[in-house]
N, C-alpha and C. Protein backbone atom coordinates (compact mmCIF):
# COMPACT_ATOMS: atom_id res chain seq x y z
N UNK A 1 -1.32 181.22 -124.64
CA UNK A 1 -0.74 182.54 -124.43
C UNK A 1 -0.25 182.64 -123.00
N UNK A 2 0.99 183.01 -122.84
CA UNK A 2 1.54 183.19 -121.50
C UNK A 2 1.37 184.64 -121.09
N UNK A 3 1.58 184.92 -119.83
CA UNK A 3 1.46 186.27 -119.33
C UNK A 3 2.53 187.20 -119.88
N UNK A 4 3.56 186.65 -120.50
CA UNK A 4 4.65 187.48 -121.02
C UNK A 4 4.44 187.87 -122.48
N UNK A 5 3.41 187.35 -123.13
CA UNK A 5 3.15 187.70 -124.52
C UNK A 5 2.79 189.18 -124.63
N UNK A 6 3.27 189.80 -125.70
CA UNK A 6 2.98 191.21 -125.95
C UNK A 6 2.52 191.36 -127.38
N UNK A 7 1.54 192.23 -127.58
CA UNK A 7 1.06 192.54 -128.92
C UNK A 7 1.85 193.73 -129.45
N UNK A 8 2.34 193.58 -130.67
CA UNK A 8 3.13 194.62 -131.32
C UNK A 8 2.51 194.97 -132.67
N UNK A 9 2.89 196.12 -133.17
CA UNK A 9 2.58 196.51 -134.54
C UNK A 9 3.91 196.81 -135.22
N UNK A 10 4.06 196.32 -136.45
CA UNK A 10 5.24 196.59 -137.27
C UNK A 10 4.79 197.43 -138.46
N UNK A 11 5.43 198.58 -138.63
CA UNK A 11 5.09 199.50 -139.72
C UNK A 11 6.28 199.57 -140.67
N UNK A 12 6.09 199.08 -141.87
CA UNK A 12 7.15 199.03 -142.87
C UNK A 12 7.20 200.34 -143.63
N UNK A 13 8.40 200.72 -144.01
CA UNK A 13 8.60 201.93 -144.80
C UNK A 13 9.08 201.54 -146.18
N UNK A 14 8.45 202.10 -147.20
CA UNK A 14 8.94 201.96 -148.56
C UNK A 14 8.66 200.65 -149.27
N UNK A 15 7.61 199.94 -148.89
CA UNK A 15 7.24 198.77 -149.68
C UNK A 15 5.91 199.05 -150.37
N UNK A 16 5.76 198.44 -151.55
CA UNK A 16 4.53 198.57 -152.35
C UNK A 16 4.16 200.02 -152.63
N UNK A 17 5.17 200.84 -152.93
CA UNK A 17 4.94 202.24 -153.25
C UNK A 17 5.24 202.45 -154.73
N UNK A 18 4.25 202.92 -155.46
CA UNK A 18 4.44 203.21 -156.88
C UNK A 18 4.85 202.01 -157.71
N UNK A 19 4.39 200.82 -157.33
CA UNK A 19 4.71 199.61 -158.07
C UNK A 19 6.11 199.08 -157.84
N UNK A 20 6.80 199.62 -156.83
CA UNK A 20 8.17 199.18 -156.52
C UNK A 20 8.21 198.44 -155.19
N UNK A 21 9.27 197.63 -155.07
CA UNK A 21 9.50 196.88 -153.83
C UNK A 21 8.24 196.14 -153.39
N UNK A 22 7.72 195.34 -154.29
CA UNK A 22 6.45 194.66 -154.09
C UNK A 22 6.61 193.51 -153.09
N UNK A 23 5.76 193.51 -152.10
CA UNK A 23 5.69 192.43 -151.12
C UNK A 23 4.21 192.10 -150.94
N UNK A 24 3.83 190.89 -151.26
CA UNK A 24 2.44 190.47 -151.09
C UNK A 24 2.15 190.30 -149.60
N UNK A 25 0.99 190.77 -149.18
CA UNK A 25 0.66 190.75 -147.76
C UNK A 25 0.50 189.32 -147.23
N UNK A 26 0.03 188.40 -148.05
CA UNK A 26 -0.06 187.00 -147.61
C UNK A 26 1.35 186.45 -147.33
N UNK A 27 2.31 186.83 -148.18
CA UNK A 27 3.69 186.39 -147.97
C UNK A 27 4.29 187.05 -146.73
N UNK A 28 3.93 188.31 -146.49
CA UNK A 28 4.42 189.00 -145.30
C UNK A 28 3.88 188.34 -144.03
N UNK A 29 2.61 187.95 -144.07
CA UNK A 29 2.00 187.27 -142.92
C UNK A 29 2.72 185.93 -142.67
N UNK A 30 2.95 185.18 -143.73
CA UNK A 30 3.67 183.89 -143.60
C UNK A 30 5.08 184.10 -143.08
N UNK A 31 5.73 185.17 -143.51
CA UNK A 31 7.07 185.52 -143.05
C UNK A 31 7.07 185.69 -141.53
N UNK A 32 6.12 186.45 -141.00
CA UNK A 32 6.03 186.66 -139.56
C UNK A 32 5.76 185.34 -138.83
N UNK A 33 4.86 184.55 -139.36
CA UNK A 33 4.55 183.26 -138.73
C UNK A 33 5.78 182.35 -138.76
N UNK A 34 6.54 182.40 -139.84
CA UNK A 34 7.75 181.59 -139.96
C UNK A 34 8.81 181.99 -138.95
N UNK A 35 8.76 183.24 -138.50
CA UNK A 35 9.70 183.70 -137.47
C UNK A 35 9.22 183.35 -136.06
N UNK A 36 8.07 182.70 -135.97
CA UNK A 36 7.58 182.24 -134.67
C UNK A 36 6.59 183.17 -133.99
N UNK A 37 6.14 184.20 -134.69
CA UNK A 37 5.15 185.10 -134.10
C UNK A 37 3.76 184.52 -134.29
N UNK A 38 2.84 184.89 -133.40
CA UNK A 38 1.49 184.35 -133.48
C UNK A 38 0.47 185.48 -133.64
N UNK A 39 -0.77 185.08 -133.90
CA UNK A 39 -1.87 186.02 -134.08
C UNK A 39 -1.52 187.12 -135.08
N UNK A 40 -0.89 186.72 -136.17
CA UNK A 40 -0.41 187.68 -137.17
C UNK A 40 -1.57 188.13 -138.06
N UNK A 41 -1.70 189.44 -138.21
CA UNK A 41 -2.71 190.02 -139.11
C UNK A 41 -2.09 191.24 -139.77
N UNK A 42 -2.47 191.49 -141.03
CA UNK A 42 -1.95 192.69 -141.67
C UNK A 42 -3.09 193.54 -142.19
N UNK A 43 -2.73 194.80 -142.47
CA UNK A 43 -3.72 195.78 -142.90
C UNK A 43 -3.17 196.55 -144.08
N UNK A 44 -3.90 196.62 -145.14
CA UNK A 44 -3.60 197.26 -146.42
C UNK A 44 -2.20 196.92 -146.93
N UNK A 45 -1.91 197.37 -148.12
CA UNK A 45 -0.71 196.95 -148.83
C UNK A 45 0.57 197.66 -148.42
N UNK A 46 0.48 198.69 -147.59
CA UNK A 46 1.67 199.47 -147.30
C UNK A 46 2.56 198.86 -146.21
N UNK A 47 2.18 197.70 -145.70
CA UNK A 47 3.04 197.01 -144.74
C UNK A 47 2.75 197.38 -143.31
N UNK A 48 1.63 196.92 -142.82
CA UNK A 48 1.22 197.11 -141.43
C UNK A 48 0.90 195.73 -140.88
N UNK A 49 1.62 195.30 -139.87
CA UNK A 49 1.42 193.96 -139.33
C UNK A 49 1.24 194.04 -137.81
N UNK A 50 0.17 193.42 -137.35
CA UNK A 50 -0.06 193.27 -135.92
C UNK A 50 0.29 191.83 -135.58
N UNK A 51 1.03 191.63 -134.49
CA UNK A 51 1.46 190.28 -134.14
C UNK A 51 1.71 190.18 -132.64
N UNK A 52 1.79 188.94 -132.19
CA UNK A 52 2.08 188.66 -130.79
C UNK A 52 3.46 188.02 -130.71
N UNK A 53 4.25 188.50 -129.76
CA UNK A 53 5.58 187.94 -129.54
C UNK A 53 5.68 187.48 -128.10
N UNK A 54 6.31 186.33 -127.90
CA UNK A 54 6.45 185.79 -126.54
C UNK A 54 7.41 186.62 -125.71
N UNK A 55 8.45 187.12 -126.35
CA UNK A 55 9.41 187.95 -125.61
C UNK A 55 10.10 188.88 -126.58
N UNK A 56 10.79 189.84 -126.01
CA UNK A 56 11.51 190.78 -126.84
C UNK A 56 10.95 192.18 -126.68
N UNK A 57 11.81 193.13 -126.93
CA UNK A 57 11.34 194.51 -126.89
C UNK A 57 11.24 195.03 -128.32
N UNK A 58 10.60 196.17 -128.48
CA UNK A 58 10.32 196.70 -129.82
C UNK A 58 11.60 196.92 -130.62
N UNK A 59 12.63 197.49 -130.02
CA UNK A 59 13.87 197.78 -130.74
C UNK A 59 14.54 196.49 -131.22
N UNK A 60 14.60 195.50 -130.36
CA UNK A 60 15.22 194.22 -130.73
C UNK A 60 14.41 193.53 -131.83
N UNK A 61 13.08 193.60 -131.72
CA UNK A 61 12.23 192.99 -132.74
C UNK A 61 12.41 193.70 -134.09
N UNK A 62 12.54 195.02 -134.08
CA UNK A 62 12.73 195.76 -135.32
C UNK A 62 14.02 195.32 -136.01
N UNK A 63 15.11 195.20 -135.24
CA UNK A 63 16.39 194.75 -135.82
C UNK A 63 16.26 193.34 -136.39
N UNK A 64 15.63 192.45 -135.63
CA UNK A 64 15.44 191.08 -136.09
C UNK A 64 14.63 191.04 -137.38
N UNK A 65 13.52 191.78 -137.41
CA UNK A 65 12.66 191.79 -138.59
C UNK A 65 13.36 192.40 -139.80
N UNK A 66 14.06 193.51 -139.61
CA UNK A 66 14.76 194.15 -140.72
C UNK A 66 15.79 193.21 -141.35
N UNK A 67 16.56 192.52 -140.51
CA UNK A 67 17.59 191.60 -141.02
C UNK A 67 16.96 190.44 -141.78
N UNK A 68 15.93 189.84 -141.19
CA UNK A 68 15.27 188.70 -141.83
C UNK A 68 14.55 189.12 -143.10
N UNK A 69 13.95 190.30 -143.08
CA UNK A 69 13.23 190.81 -144.25
C UNK A 69 14.20 191.02 -145.42
N UNK A 70 15.33 191.67 -145.14
CA UNK A 70 16.31 191.93 -146.20
C UNK A 70 16.86 190.62 -146.78
N UNK A 71 17.07 189.65 -145.91
CA UNK A 71 17.57 188.35 -146.37
C UNK A 71 16.55 187.69 -147.30
N UNK A 72 15.27 187.78 -146.95
CA UNK A 72 14.23 187.12 -147.75
C UNK A 72 13.91 187.86 -149.04
N UNK A 73 13.75 189.20 -148.97
CA UNK A 73 13.30 189.95 -150.14
C UNK A 73 14.43 190.66 -150.89
N UNK A 74 15.61 190.72 -150.32
CA UNK A 74 16.75 191.29 -151.04
C UNK A 74 16.84 192.81 -151.04
N UNK A 75 16.03 193.46 -150.25
CA UNK A 75 16.15 194.91 -150.09
C UNK A 75 15.78 195.28 -148.67
N UNK A 76 16.26 196.45 -148.26
CA UNK A 76 16.02 196.90 -146.90
C UNK A 76 14.73 197.69 -146.80
N UNK A 77 14.00 197.45 -145.74
CA UNK A 77 12.84 198.28 -145.40
C UNK A 77 13.00 198.64 -143.93
N UNK A 78 13.01 199.92 -143.64
CA UNK A 78 13.06 200.32 -142.23
C UNK A 78 11.71 199.94 -141.63
N UNK A 79 11.77 199.31 -140.47
CA UNK A 79 10.55 198.83 -139.82
C UNK A 79 10.46 199.43 -138.43
N UNK A 80 9.37 200.11 -138.17
CA UNK A 80 9.12 200.67 -136.85
C UNK A 80 8.23 199.66 -136.10
N UNK A 81 8.71 199.19 -134.98
CA UNK A 81 7.94 198.24 -134.17
C UNK A 81 7.59 198.92 -132.86
N UNK A 82 6.32 198.86 -132.51
CA UNK A 82 5.83 199.46 -131.26
C UNK A 82 4.82 198.51 -130.64
N UNK A 83 4.68 198.59 -129.32
CA UNK A 83 3.69 197.72 -128.68
C UNK A 83 2.31 198.37 -128.70
N UNK A 84 1.31 197.55 -128.39
CA UNK A 84 -0.08 198.01 -128.46
C UNK A 84 -0.35 199.17 -127.50
N UNK A 85 0.28 199.20 -126.36
CA UNK A 85 0.09 200.29 -125.41
C UNK A 85 0.59 201.61 -126.01
N UNK A 86 1.71 201.55 -126.74
CA UNK A 86 2.23 202.73 -127.41
C UNK A 86 1.23 203.24 -128.44
N UNK A 87 0.64 202.31 -129.20
CA UNK A 87 -0.34 202.67 -130.22
C UNK A 87 -1.55 203.34 -129.59
N UNK A 88 -1.96 202.83 -128.46
CA UNK A 88 -3.10 203.43 -127.74
C UNK A 88 -2.75 204.86 -127.31
N UNK A 89 -1.54 205.06 -126.82
CA UNK A 89 -1.11 206.42 -126.43
C UNK A 89 -1.06 207.35 -127.63
N UNK A 90 -0.65 206.82 -128.79
CA UNK A 90 -0.61 207.63 -130.01
C UNK A 90 -2.02 208.15 -130.31
N UNK A 91 -3.00 207.28 -130.27
CA UNK A 91 -4.38 207.68 -130.58
C UNK A 91 -4.90 208.67 -129.54
N UNK A 92 -4.68 208.36 -128.28
CA UNK A 92 -5.18 209.23 -127.21
C UNK A 92 -4.48 210.59 -127.21
N UNK A 93 -3.26 210.65 -127.71
CA UNK A 93 -2.49 211.88 -127.71
C UNK A 93 -2.74 212.79 -128.91
N UNK A 94 -3.67 212.42 -129.78
CA UNK A 94 -3.95 213.21 -130.98
C UNK A 94 -4.25 214.67 -130.62
N UNK A 95 -3.39 215.61 -131.06
CA UNK A 95 -3.61 217.01 -130.74
C UNK A 95 -4.67 217.68 -131.62
N UNK A 96 -5.19 216.93 -132.60
CA UNK A 96 -6.17 217.49 -133.53
C UNK A 96 -7.46 216.66 -133.55
N UNK A 97 -8.11 216.48 -132.40
CA UNK A 97 -9.31 215.64 -132.37
C UNK A 97 -10.43 216.16 -133.27
N UNK A 98 -10.42 217.45 -133.53
CA UNK A 98 -11.48 218.04 -134.36
C UNK A 98 -11.40 217.59 -135.82
N UNK A 99 -10.26 217.03 -136.26
CA UNK A 99 -10.15 216.54 -137.64
C UNK A 99 -10.02 215.02 -137.70
N UNK A 100 -10.19 214.35 -136.58
CA UNK A 100 -10.08 212.88 -136.56
C UNK A 100 -11.13 212.23 -137.45
N UNK A 101 -12.23 212.92 -137.69
CA UNK A 101 -13.28 212.40 -138.56
C UNK A 101 -12.95 212.53 -140.04
N UNK A 102 -11.83 213.16 -140.36
CA UNK A 102 -11.36 213.29 -141.74
C UNK A 102 -10.01 212.58 -141.86
N UNK A 103 -10.05 211.24 -141.86
CA UNK A 103 -8.81 210.46 -141.71
C UNK A 103 -7.78 210.63 -142.81
N UNK A 104 -8.16 211.17 -143.98
CA UNK A 104 -7.17 211.37 -145.03
C UNK A 104 -6.45 212.70 -144.86
N UNK A 105 -6.87 213.49 -143.90
CA UNK A 105 -6.24 214.79 -143.67
C UNK A 105 -5.41 214.82 -142.39
N UNK A 106 -5.44 213.71 -141.66
CA UNK A 106 -4.69 213.59 -140.42
C UNK A 106 -3.76 212.39 -140.54
N UNK A 107 -2.49 212.61 -140.25
CA UNK A 107 -1.48 211.55 -140.36
C UNK A 107 -0.61 211.50 -139.12
N UNK A 108 -0.13 210.32 -138.84
CA UNK A 108 0.83 210.13 -137.76
C UNK A 108 2.11 209.57 -138.37
N UNK A 109 3.21 210.26 -138.15
CA UNK A 109 4.53 209.78 -138.57
C UNK A 109 5.15 209.10 -137.36
N UNK A 110 5.42 207.82 -137.49
CA UNK A 110 6.09 207.07 -136.44
C UNK A 110 7.58 207.24 -136.69
N UNK A 111 8.24 207.89 -135.75
CA UNK A 111 9.65 208.24 -135.92
C UNK A 111 10.56 207.27 -135.17
N UNK A 112 11.74 207.08 -135.70
CA UNK A 112 12.70 206.18 -135.08
C UNK A 112 13.09 206.65 -133.67
N UNK A 113 13.09 207.96 -133.50
CA UNK A 113 13.42 208.53 -132.19
C UNK A 113 12.75 209.89 -132.07
N UNK A 114 12.75 210.42 -130.88
CA UNK A 114 12.21 211.76 -130.66
C UNK A 114 13.17 212.78 -131.28
N UNK A 115 12.66 213.70 -132.09
CA UNK A 115 13.52 214.72 -132.68
C UNK A 115 14.07 215.68 -131.62
N UNK A 116 15.21 216.23 -131.89
CA UNK A 116 15.79 217.24 -131.00
C UNK A 116 15.04 218.55 -131.18
N UNK A 117 15.25 219.46 -130.25
CA UNK A 117 14.63 220.79 -130.36
C UNK A 117 15.09 221.48 -131.64
N UNK A 118 16.37 221.34 -131.97
CA UNK A 118 16.91 221.95 -133.19
C UNK A 118 16.24 221.38 -134.44
N UNK A 119 16.06 220.07 -134.49
CA UNK A 119 15.41 219.43 -135.64
C UNK A 119 13.95 219.89 -135.76
N UNK A 120 13.27 219.99 -134.63
CA UNK A 120 11.88 220.43 -134.63
C UNK A 120 11.76 221.88 -135.09
N UNK A 121 12.66 222.73 -134.63
CA UNK A 121 12.65 224.14 -135.03
C UNK A 121 12.89 224.27 -136.53
N UNK A 122 13.84 223.51 -137.05
CA UNK A 122 14.14 223.53 -138.48
C UNK A 122 12.90 223.15 -139.30
N UNK A 123 12.15 222.14 -138.82
CA UNK A 123 10.93 221.73 -139.51
C UNK A 123 9.85 222.80 -139.40
N UNK A 124 9.70 223.38 -138.23
CA UNK A 124 8.68 224.41 -138.03
C UNK A 124 8.88 225.59 -138.97
N UNK A 125 10.13 225.91 -139.26
CA UNK A 125 10.43 227.01 -140.18
C UNK A 125 9.94 226.73 -141.59
N UNK A 126 9.79 225.47 -141.94
CA UNK A 126 9.32 225.08 -143.28
C UNK A 126 7.81 224.99 -143.38
N UNK A 127 7.13 225.02 -142.25
CA UNK A 127 5.67 224.85 -142.22
C UNK A 127 4.99 226.20 -142.43
N UNK A 128 4.84 226.58 -143.70
CA UNK A 128 4.30 227.90 -144.03
C UNK A 128 2.95 227.83 -144.74
N UNK A 129 2.49 226.62 -145.05
CA UNK A 129 1.22 226.48 -145.77
C UNK A 129 0.06 226.26 -144.82
N UNK A 130 -0.97 225.64 -145.32
CA UNK A 130 -2.15 225.42 -144.46
C UNK A 130 -1.95 224.30 -143.44
N UNK A 131 -0.87 223.53 -143.57
CA UNK A 131 -0.64 222.40 -142.66
C UNK A 131 -0.23 222.89 -141.27
N UNK A 132 -0.42 222.01 -140.33
CA UNK A 132 0.10 222.23 -138.98
C UNK A 132 0.54 220.88 -138.46
N UNK A 133 1.52 220.91 -137.56
CA UNK A 133 2.03 219.66 -137.01
C UNK A 133 2.36 219.84 -135.54
N UNK A 134 2.42 218.71 -134.86
CA UNK A 134 2.87 218.69 -133.48
C UNK A 134 3.62 217.39 -133.27
N UNK A 135 4.72 217.50 -132.53
CA UNK A 135 5.52 216.31 -132.23
C UNK A 135 5.35 215.99 -130.75
N UNK A 136 5.00 214.73 -130.48
CA UNK A 136 4.89 214.24 -129.11
C UNK A 136 5.76 212.99 -129.03
N UNK A 137 6.89 213.11 -128.39
CA UNK A 137 7.81 211.97 -128.29
C UNK A 137 8.28 211.56 -129.67
N UNK A 138 8.03 210.30 -130.02
CA UNK A 138 8.47 209.78 -131.30
C UNK A 138 7.34 209.73 -132.34
N UNK A 139 6.37 210.63 -132.19
CA UNK A 139 5.27 210.72 -133.15
C UNK A 139 5.12 212.16 -133.62
N UNK A 140 5.04 212.32 -134.92
CA UNK A 140 4.72 213.62 -135.51
C UNK A 140 3.29 213.52 -136.03
N UNK A 141 2.42 214.36 -135.52
CA UNK A 141 1.04 214.43 -135.99
C UNK A 141 0.98 215.53 -137.04
N UNK A 142 0.40 215.24 -138.19
CA UNK A 142 0.29 216.22 -139.26
C UNK A 142 -1.16 216.38 -139.67
N UNK A 143 -1.64 217.61 -139.62
CA UNK A 143 -2.95 217.92 -140.19
C UNK A 143 -2.69 218.62 -141.51
N UNK A 144 -3.07 217.96 -142.60
CA UNK A 144 -2.91 218.51 -143.95
C UNK A 144 -4.32 218.72 -144.50
N UNK A 145 -4.87 219.94 -144.37
CA UNK A 145 -6.27 220.19 -144.75
C UNK A 145 -6.60 219.88 -146.20
N UNK A 146 -5.61 219.97 -147.09
CA UNK A 146 -5.85 219.68 -148.50
C UNK A 146 -5.46 218.24 -148.86
N UNK A 147 -5.12 217.43 -147.85
CA UNK A 147 -4.68 216.06 -148.08
C UNK A 147 -3.17 216.00 -148.23
N UNK A 148 -2.61 214.87 -147.91
CA UNK A 148 -1.15 214.73 -147.93
C UNK A 148 -0.59 214.74 -149.35
N UNK A 149 -1.38 214.28 -150.30
CA UNK A 149 -0.93 214.26 -151.69
C UNK A 149 -0.68 215.63 -152.28
N UNK A 150 -1.38 216.63 -151.79
CA UNK A 150 -1.23 218.00 -152.28
C UNK A 150 -0.35 218.85 -151.36
N UNK A 151 0.17 218.24 -150.32
CA UNK A 151 0.94 218.99 -149.33
C UNK A 151 2.42 219.08 -149.69
N UNK A 152 2.87 220.29 -149.97
CA UNK A 152 4.29 220.52 -150.21
C UNK A 152 5.06 220.26 -148.91
N UNK A 153 4.51 220.69 -147.80
CA UNK A 153 5.18 220.51 -146.50
C UNK A 153 5.39 219.03 -146.18
N UNK A 154 4.40 218.19 -146.45
CA UNK A 154 4.55 216.75 -146.15
C UNK A 154 5.76 216.16 -146.84
N UNK A 155 6.04 216.62 -148.07
CA UNK A 155 7.20 216.12 -148.80
C UNK A 155 8.52 216.61 -148.19
N UNK A 156 8.46 217.71 -147.47
CA UNK A 156 9.67 218.25 -146.85
C UNK A 156 10.02 217.58 -145.51
N UNK A 157 9.06 216.94 -144.90
CA UNK A 157 9.26 216.39 -143.55
C UNK A 157 10.47 215.46 -143.47
N UNK A 158 10.57 214.42 -144.29
CA UNK A 158 11.71 213.49 -144.12
C UNK A 158 13.08 214.15 -144.28
N UNK A 159 13.24 214.94 -145.33
CA UNK A 159 14.57 215.50 -145.57
C UNK A 159 14.89 216.70 -144.69
N UNK A 160 13.88 217.35 -144.15
CA UNK A 160 14.12 218.47 -143.24
C UNK A 160 14.34 217.97 -141.82
N UNK A 161 13.47 217.08 -141.36
CA UNK A 161 13.57 216.56 -140.00
C UNK A 161 14.78 215.64 -139.85
N UNK A 162 15.04 214.84 -140.88
CA UNK A 162 16.17 213.91 -140.89
C UNK A 162 16.12 212.87 -139.77
N UNK A 163 14.90 212.52 -139.36
CA UNK A 163 14.69 211.43 -138.41
C UNK A 163 13.89 210.38 -139.17
N UNK A 164 14.45 209.19 -139.36
CA UNK A 164 13.72 208.16 -140.11
C UNK A 164 12.35 207.88 -139.49
N UNK A 165 11.40 207.63 -140.36
CA UNK A 165 10.05 207.32 -139.88
C UNK A 165 9.17 206.87 -141.03
N UNK A 166 7.94 206.61 -140.70
CA UNK A 166 6.96 206.20 -141.70
C UNK A 166 5.60 206.76 -141.30
N UNK A 167 4.85 207.22 -142.27
CA UNK A 167 3.57 207.88 -142.00
C UNK A 167 2.39 206.95 -142.27
N UNK A 168 1.33 207.14 -141.50
CA UNK A 168 0.07 206.44 -141.71
C UNK A 168 -1.06 207.44 -141.57
N UNK A 169 -2.09 207.30 -142.41
CA UNK A 169 -3.23 208.17 -142.24
C UNK A 169 -4.05 207.70 -141.03
N UNK A 170 -4.94 208.57 -140.58
CA UNK A 170 -5.65 208.29 -139.33
C UNK A 170 -6.53 207.06 -139.43
N UNK A 171 -7.07 206.79 -140.61
CA UNK A 171 -7.89 205.58 -140.80
C UNK A 171 -7.03 204.35 -140.50
N UNK A 172 -5.82 204.33 -141.02
CA UNK A 172 -4.92 203.19 -140.77
C UNK A 172 -4.55 203.08 -139.30
N UNK A 173 -4.27 204.22 -138.67
CA UNK A 173 -3.93 204.22 -137.25
C UNK A 173 -5.05 203.60 -136.42
N UNK A 174 -6.29 204.03 -136.69
CA UNK A 174 -7.43 203.51 -135.93
C UNK A 174 -7.68 202.03 -136.22
N UNK A 175 -7.50 201.62 -137.47
CA UNK A 175 -7.67 200.21 -137.82
C UNK A 175 -6.63 199.34 -137.11
N UNK A 176 -5.40 199.82 -137.06
CA UNK A 176 -4.34 199.05 -136.38
C UNK A 176 -4.61 198.97 -134.89
N UNK A 177 -5.09 200.05 -134.30
CA UNK A 177 -5.43 200.01 -132.87
C UNK A 177 -6.52 198.98 -132.62
N UNK A 178 -7.53 198.97 -133.48
CA UNK A 178 -8.62 197.99 -133.33
C UNK A 178 -8.10 196.57 -133.47
N UNK A 179 -7.24 196.34 -134.47
CA UNK A 179 -6.68 195.00 -134.68
C UNK A 179 -5.85 194.57 -133.48
N UNK A 180 -5.03 195.49 -132.96
CA UNK A 180 -4.19 195.17 -131.79
C UNK A 180 -5.05 194.84 -130.59
N UNK A 181 -6.15 195.55 -130.44
CA UNK A 181 -7.08 195.28 -129.34
C UNK A 181 -7.69 193.89 -129.43
N UNK A 182 -8.01 193.46 -130.65
CA UNK A 182 -8.58 192.12 -130.84
C UNK A 182 -7.56 191.03 -130.55
N UNK A 183 -6.32 191.27 -130.98
CA UNK A 183 -5.26 190.29 -130.72
C UNK A 183 -4.95 190.23 -129.22
N UNK A 184 -4.97 191.38 -128.59
CA UNK A 184 -4.66 191.45 -127.16
C UNK A 184 -5.80 191.03 -126.27
N UNK A 185 -7.00 190.99 -126.83
CA UNK A 185 -8.19 190.74 -126.01
C UNK A 185 -8.53 189.35 -125.87
């Protein structure tokens, strides 16, 4: 490992959902290794990969991975790539620490970019149920007290906000942070 190595997390959107766009995690791990990344580990079936890259920034890695992924599997998956320090900030920035112990009721949406004030206002107007959310940079934190599966508001987020992203429950967020720490340590 050189001093320039960086630990990243790649979060895939829209794979292994409802029996569609199936990608086996062992194949995904081999895919990353075949691209020259090291210390590759994945978490659950929804497409979460922690890896080490010798060089490159998150945006360039996302473009590289998306192109190679589409070539191999024949369909597009938007991939959010962030470094381990970003993931640590996401966890530390949780505006709802009182519900962190209920990981299925707390979610982090990793967004392609920070939403504009207008986009955020439009989303806030739709938040009329028991849910609450806060946006910090390129992360939307959602507390859904009845769970995301029963949340009408959660289903409105993508089409109302119109900023591409992918959501993970708090258990997944914490597991990825732990994995990144082990790879980086």
